[in-house]
């Protein structure tokens, strides 16, 4: 069972690459965004993340909406398909998942159950965030992946 907590996440500027389709293409899209950012000479300033707008249990795989983001402090002009945007301050319920990505849906379920039991509801129109603390290339074994799942919340 995941340890679930609530915290404030400050607004941040990110470079973002949006996509539609299965969420399991996030790593490929993140690699694409990182490569572009390195080519244009701008390092990202914090951990990479994915933003997920739809529930895969309710939306067809080829219609899922998502984006991968790299926080950036420097001025960086966007390119075709890449956007510079500001993510708002948010209050999130979160848990950290260690292991393969296949275990992440269970953590979402636990967070949503916890929210209902603790007087929270999802904040309207804000995507779920997954912060990638340790991903492929940083871990030899998917059992070592470390992903923080954040759901924007408000008091019910």
C-alpha atoms as a PDB file:
ATOM      1  CA  UNK A   1       0.000   0.000   0.000  1.00  0.00           C
ATOM      2  CA  UNK A   2       1.316   3.421  -0.981  1.00  0.00           C
ATOM      3  CA  UNK A   3       1.955   6.165   1.559  1.00  0.00           C
ATOM      4  CA  UNK A   4      -0.249   9.058   0.430  1.00  0.00           C
ATOM      5  CA  UNK A   5       0.345  12.663   1.447  1.00  0.00           C
ATOM      6  CA  UNK A   6      -0.741  16.158   0.406  1.00  0.00           C
ATOM      7  CA  UNK A   7       1.631  18.966  -0.567  1.00  0.00           C
ATOM      8  CA  UNK A   8       1.797  22.262  -2.420  1.00  0.00           C
ATOM      9  CA  UNK A   9       3.617  22.296  -5.769  1.00  0.00           C
ATOM     10  CA  UNK A  10       4.803  25.691  -6.973  1.00  0.00           C
ATOM     11  CA  UNK A  11       4.134  26.980 -10.468  1.00  0.00           C
ATOM     12  CA  UNK A  12       6.864  26.249 -12.976  1.00  0.00           C
ATOM     13  CA  UNK A  13       7.787  26.938 -16.578  1.00  0.00           C
ATOM     14  CA  UNK A  14       8.225  23.867 -18.767  1.00  0.00           C
ATOM     15  CA  UNK A  15       8.957  22.885 -22.318  1.00  0.00           C
ATOM     16  CA  UNK A  16       6.171  20.519 -23.340  1.00  0.00           C
ATOM     17  CA  UNK A  17       5.584  17.950 -26.073  1.00  0.00           C
ATOM     18  CA  UNK A  18       1.919  16.901 -26.378  1.00  0.00           C
ATOM     19  CA  UNK A  19       0.731  13.643 -27.866  1.00  0.00           C
ATOM     20  CA  UNK A  20      -2.383  11.572 -28.370  1.00  0.00           C
ATOM     21  CA  UNK A  21      -2.449   7.807 -28.019  1.00  0.00           C
ATOM     22  CA  UNK A  22      -1.330   5.152 -25.563  1.00  0.00           C
ATOM     23  CA  UNK A  23       0.347   6.494 -22.453  1.00  0.00           C
ATOM     24  CA  UNK A  24       3.128   3.919 -22.762  1.00  0.00           C
ATOM     25  CA  UNK A  25       4.747   6.108 -25.430  1.00  0.00           C
ATOM     26  CA  UNK A  26       5.613   8.691 -22.740  1.00  0.00           C
ATOM     27  CA  UNK A  27       9.214   7.539 -22.390  1.00  0.00           C
ATOM     28  CA  UNK A  28       9.814   7.735 -26.153  1.00  0.00           C
ATOM     29  CA  UNK A  29       8.283  11.237 -26.259  1.00  0.00           C
ATOM     30  CA  UNK A  30      10.313  12.308 -23.233  1.00  0.00           C
ATOM     31  CA  UNK A  31      13.507  11.084 -24.931  1.00  0.00           C
ATOM     32  CA  UNK A  32      12.524  13.126 -27.996  1.00  0.00           C
ATOM     33  CA  UNK A  33      11.949  16.265 -25.890  1.00  0.00           C
ATOM     34  CA  UNK A  34      15.200  15.802 -23.942  1.00  0.00           C
ATOM     35  CA  UNK A  35      17.175  15.331 -27.162  1.00  0.00           C
ATOM     36  CA  UNK A  36      15.699  18.498 -28.634  1.00  0.00           C
ATOM     37  CA  UNK A  37      16.433  20.511 -25.482  1.00  0.00           C
ATOM     38  CA  UNK A  38      20.048  19.305 -25.454  1.00  0.00           C
ATOM     39  CA  UNK A  39      20.456  20.114 -29.184  1.00  0.00           C
ATOM     40  CA  UNK A  40      19.324  23.705 -28.617  1.00  0.00           C
ATOM     41  CA  UNK A  41      21.647  23.993 -25.615  1.00  0.00           C
ATOM     42  CA  UNK A  42      19.228  24.382 -22.722  1.00  0.00           C
ATOM     43  CA  UNK A  43      19.395  22.075 -19.706  1.00  0.00           C
ATOM     44  CA  UNK A  44      16.230  21.253 -17.841  1.00  0.00           C
ATOM     45  CA  UNK A  45      16.123  22.548 -14.271  1.00  0.00           C
ATOM     46  CA  UNK A  46      14.136  19.860 -12.445  1.00  0.00           C
ATOM     47  CA  UNK A  47      12.832  16.325 -12.847  1.00  0.00           C
ATOM     48  CA  UNK A  48      10.980  15.366 -16.035  1.00  0.00           C
ATOM     49  CA  UNK A  49       7.253  14.702 -15.849  1.00  0.00           C
ATOM     50  CA  UNK A  50       4.249  13.463 -17.730  1.00  0.00           C
ATOM     51  CA  UNK A  51       0.816  15.106 -17.653  1.00  0.00           C
ATOM     52  CA  UNK A  52      -2.140  12.800 -18.255  1.00  0.00           C
ATOM     53  CA  UNK A  53      -5.574  14.185 -19.062  1.00  0.00           C
ATOM     54  CA  UNK A  54      -7.747  11.087 -19.510  1.00  0.00           C
ATOM     55  CA  UNK A  55      -8.636   7.945 -17.596  1.00  0.00           C
ATOM     56  CA  UNK A  56      -7.508   4.936 -19.688  1.00  0.00           C
ATOM     57  CA  UNK A  57     -10.462   2.959 -18.278  1.00  0.00           C
ATOM     58  CA  UNK A  58     -12.873   5.489 -19.826  1.00  0.00           C
ATOM     59  CA  UNK A  59     -11.118   6.724 -23.002  1.00  0.00           C
ATOM     60  CA  UNK A  60      -9.982   4.653 -25.981  1.00  0.00           C
ATOM     61  CA  UNK A  61      -6.192   4.122 -26.108  1.00  0.00           C
ATOM     62  CA  UNK A  62      -5.778   6.010 -29.391  1.00  0.00           C
ATOM     63  CA  UNK A  63      -7.672   9.032 -27.965  1.00  0.00           C
ATOM     64  CA  UNK A  64      -5.749   9.461 -24.690  1.00  0.00           C
ATOM     65  CA  UNK A  65      -4.306  12.973 -24.304  1.00  0.00           C
ATOM     66  CA  UNK A  66      -0.950  13.563 -22.610  1.00  0.00           C
ATOM     67  CA  UNK A  67       2.217  15.593 -22.676  1.00  0.00           C
ATOM     68  CA  UNK A  68       5.743  15.203 -21.402  1.00  0.00           C
ATOM     69  CA  UNK A  69       7.426  18.198 -19.796  1.00  0.00           C
ATOM     70  CA  UNK A  70      10.871  19.358 -18.786  1.00  0.00           C
ATOM     71  CA  UNK A  71      11.039  22.239 -16.297  1.00  0.00           C
ATOM     72  CA  UNK A  72      13.284  25.035 -17.554  1.00  0.00           C
ATOM     73  CA  UNK A  73      14.429  28.318 -16.061  1.00  0.00           C
ATOM     74  CA  UNK A  74      16.233  29.758 -19.092  1.00  0.00           C
ATOM     75  CA  UNK A  75      14.525  31.549 -21.942  1.00  0.00           C
ATOM     76  CA  UNK A  76      14.064  28.973 -24.692  1.00  0.00           C
ATOM     77  CA  UNK A  77      12.091  29.425 -27.886  1.00  0.00           C
ATOM     78  CA  UNK A  78       9.678  26.601 -28.700  1.00  0.00           C
ATOM     79  CA  UNK A  79       9.902  24.591 -31.905  1.00  0.00           C
ATOM     80  CA  UNK A  80       7.345  22.786 -34.039  1.00  0.00           C
ATOM     81  CA  UNK A  81       5.328  20.522 -31.728  1.00  0.00           C
ATOM     82  CA  UNK A  82       7.113  21.828 -28.626  1.00  0.00           C
ATOM     83  CA  UNK A  83       5.504  24.472 -26.451  1.00  0.00           C
ATOM     84  CA  UNK A  84       6.774  26.668 -23.625  1.00  0.00           C
ATOM     85  CA  UNK A  85       4.107  26.944 -20.928  1.00  0.00           C
ATOM     86  CA  UNK A  86       3.552  27.744 -17.284  1.00  0.00           C
ATOM     87  CA  UNK A  87       2.085  25.083 -15.010  1.00  0.00           C
ATOM     88  CA  UNK A  88       0.044  26.580 -12.146  1.00  0.00           C
ATOM     89  CA  UNK A  89       0.507  26.274  -8.394  1.00  0.00           C
ATOM     90  CA  UNK A  90      -1.378  23.165  -7.285  1.00  0.00           C
ATOM     91  CA  UNK A  91      -2.214  21.216  -4.167  1.00  0.00           C
ATOM     92  CA  UNK A  92      -1.652  17.524  -4.830  1.00  0.00           C
ATOM     93  CA  UNK A  93      -2.315  14.197  -3.200  1.00  0.00           C
ATOM     94  CA  UNK A  94       0.701  12.097  -4.063  1.00  0.00           C
ATOM     95  CA  UNK A  95       2.444   8.782  -3.594  1.00  0.00           C
ATOM     96  CA  UNK A  96       5.767   7.416  -4.809  1.00  0.00           C
ATOM     97  CA  UNK A  97       5.790   4.148  -6.740  1.00  0.00           C
ATOM     98  CA  UNK A  98       8.946   2.078  -6.896  1.00  0.00           C
ATOM     99  CA  UNK A  99       8.974  -0.529  -9.625  1.00  0.00           C
ATOM    100  CA  UNK A 100       7.764  -1.185 -13.162  1.00  0.00           C
ATOM    101  CA  UNK A 101       5.254   1.171 -14.713  1.00  0.00           C
ATOM    102  CA  UNK A 102       2.719  -1.672 -14.793  1.00  0.00           C
ATOM    103  CA  UNK A 103       2.156  -1.062 -11.048  1.00  0.00           C
ATOM    104  CA  UNK A 104       1.208   2.598 -11.457  1.00  0.00           C
ATOM    105  CA  UNK A 105      -2.557   2.064 -12.071  1.00  0.00           C
ATOM    106  CA  UNK A 106      -2.830   0.473  -8.615  1.00  0.00           C
ATOM    107  CA  UNK A 107      -1.258   3.567  -7.036  1.00  0.00           C
ATOM    108  CA  UNK A 108      -3.781   5.811  -8.829  1.00  0.00           C
ATOM    109  CA  UNK A 109      -6.592   3.674  -7.419  1.00  0.00           C
ATOM    110  CA  UNK A 110      -5.133   3.961  -3.914  1.00  0.00           C
ATOM    111  CA  UNK A 111      -4.798   7.752  -4.211  1.00  0.00           C
ATOM    112  CA  UNK A 112      -8.388   8.173  -5.416  1.00  0.00           C
ATOM    113  CA  UNK A 113      -9.685   5.929  -2.619  1.00  0.00           C
ATOM    114  CA  UNK A 114      -7.635   7.885  -0.066  1.00  0.00           C
ATOM    115  CA  UNK A 115      -9.000  11.183  -1.411  1.00  0.00           C
ATOM    116  CA  UNK A 116     -12.591  10.022  -0.911  1.00  0.00           C
ATOM    117  CA  UNK A 117     -11.848   8.836   2.613  1.00  0.00           C
ATOM    118  CA  UNK A 118     -10.041  12.058   3.573  1.00  0.00           C
ATOM    119  CA  UNK A 119     -12.334  14.785   2.258  1.00  0.00           C
ATOM    120  CA  UNK A 120     -10.656  15.594  -1.053  1.00  0.00           C
ATOM    121  CA  UNK A 121     -11.777  15.540  -4.666  1.00  0.00           C
ATOM    122  CA  UNK A 122      -9.817  15.957  -7.902  1.00  0.00           C
ATOM    123  CA  UNK A 123      -9.321  19.596  -8.915  1.00  0.00           C
ATOM    124  CA  UNK A 124     -11.342  20.233 -12.034  1.00  0.00           C
ATOM    125  CA  UNK A 125      -9.617  20.318 -15.437  1.00  0.00           C
ATOM    126  CA  UNK A 126      -6.096  19.634 -14.132  1.00  0.00           C
ATOM    127  CA  UNK A 127      -4.148  16.628 -15.397  1.00  0.00           C
ATOM    128  CA  UNK A 128      -2.548  13.942 -13.259  1.00  0.00           C
ATOM    129  CA  UNK A 129       1.219  14.357 -13.049  1.00  0.00           C
ATOM    130  CA  UNK A 130       3.874  11.683 -12.952  1.00  0.00           C
ATOM    131  CA  UNK A 131       7.282  12.923 -11.857  1.00  0.00           C
ATOM    132  CA  UNK A 132      10.056  10.634 -13.079  1.00  0.00           C
ATOM    133  CA  UNK A 133      12.656  10.397 -10.296  1.00  0.00           C
ATOM    134  CA  UNK A 134      14.425   7.357 -11.761  1.00  0.00           C
ATOM    135  CA  UNK A 135      13.745   6.008 -15.267  1.00  0.00           C
ATOM    136  CA  UNK A 136      15.350   3.766 -17.881  1.00  0.00           C
ATOM    137  CA  UNK A 137      18.911   4.850 -18.410  1.00  0.00           C
ATOM    138  CA  UNK A 138      19.164   5.649 -14.710  1.00  0.00           C
ATOM    139  CA  UNK A 139      18.136   2.186 -13.555  1.00  0.00           C
ATOM    140  CA  UNK A 140      19.222  -1.128 -15.032  1.00  0.00           C
ATOM    141  CA  UNK A 141      16.117  -2.904 -13.781  1.00  0.00           C
ATOM    142  CA  UNK A 142      12.484  -1.639 -14.021  1.00  0.00           C
ATOM    143  CA  UNK A 143      12.107  -2.734 -10.383  1.00  0.00           C
ATOM    144  CA  UNK A 144      14.291   0.299  -9.552  1.00  0.00           C
ATOM    145  CA  UNK A 145      12.138   2.878 -11.404  1.00  0.00           C
ATOM    146  CA  UNK A 146      10.861   5.622  -9.095  1.00  0.00           C
ATOM    147  CA  UNK A 147       7.743   7.550 -10.121  1.00  0.00           C
ATOM    148  CA  UNK A 148       5.828  10.104  -8.062  1.00  0.00           C
ATOM    149  CA  UNK A 149       2.123  10.167  -8.929  1.00  0.00           C
ATOM    150  CA  UNK A 150       0.390  13.488  -8.214  1.00  0.00           C
ATOM    151  CA  UNK A 151      -3.342  14.217  -8.425  1.00  0.00           C
ATOM    152  CA  UNK A 152      -4.373  17.877  -8.119  1.00  0.00           C
ATOM    153  CA  UNK A 153      -6.931  18.127  -5.318  1.00  0.00           C
ATOM    154  CA  UNK A 154      -9.246  20.451  -3.481  1.00  0.00           C
ATOM    155  CA  UNK A 155     -11.253  20.012  -0.303  1.00  0.00           C
ATOM    156  CA  UNK A 156     -14.596  18.313  -0.963  1.00  0.00           C
END
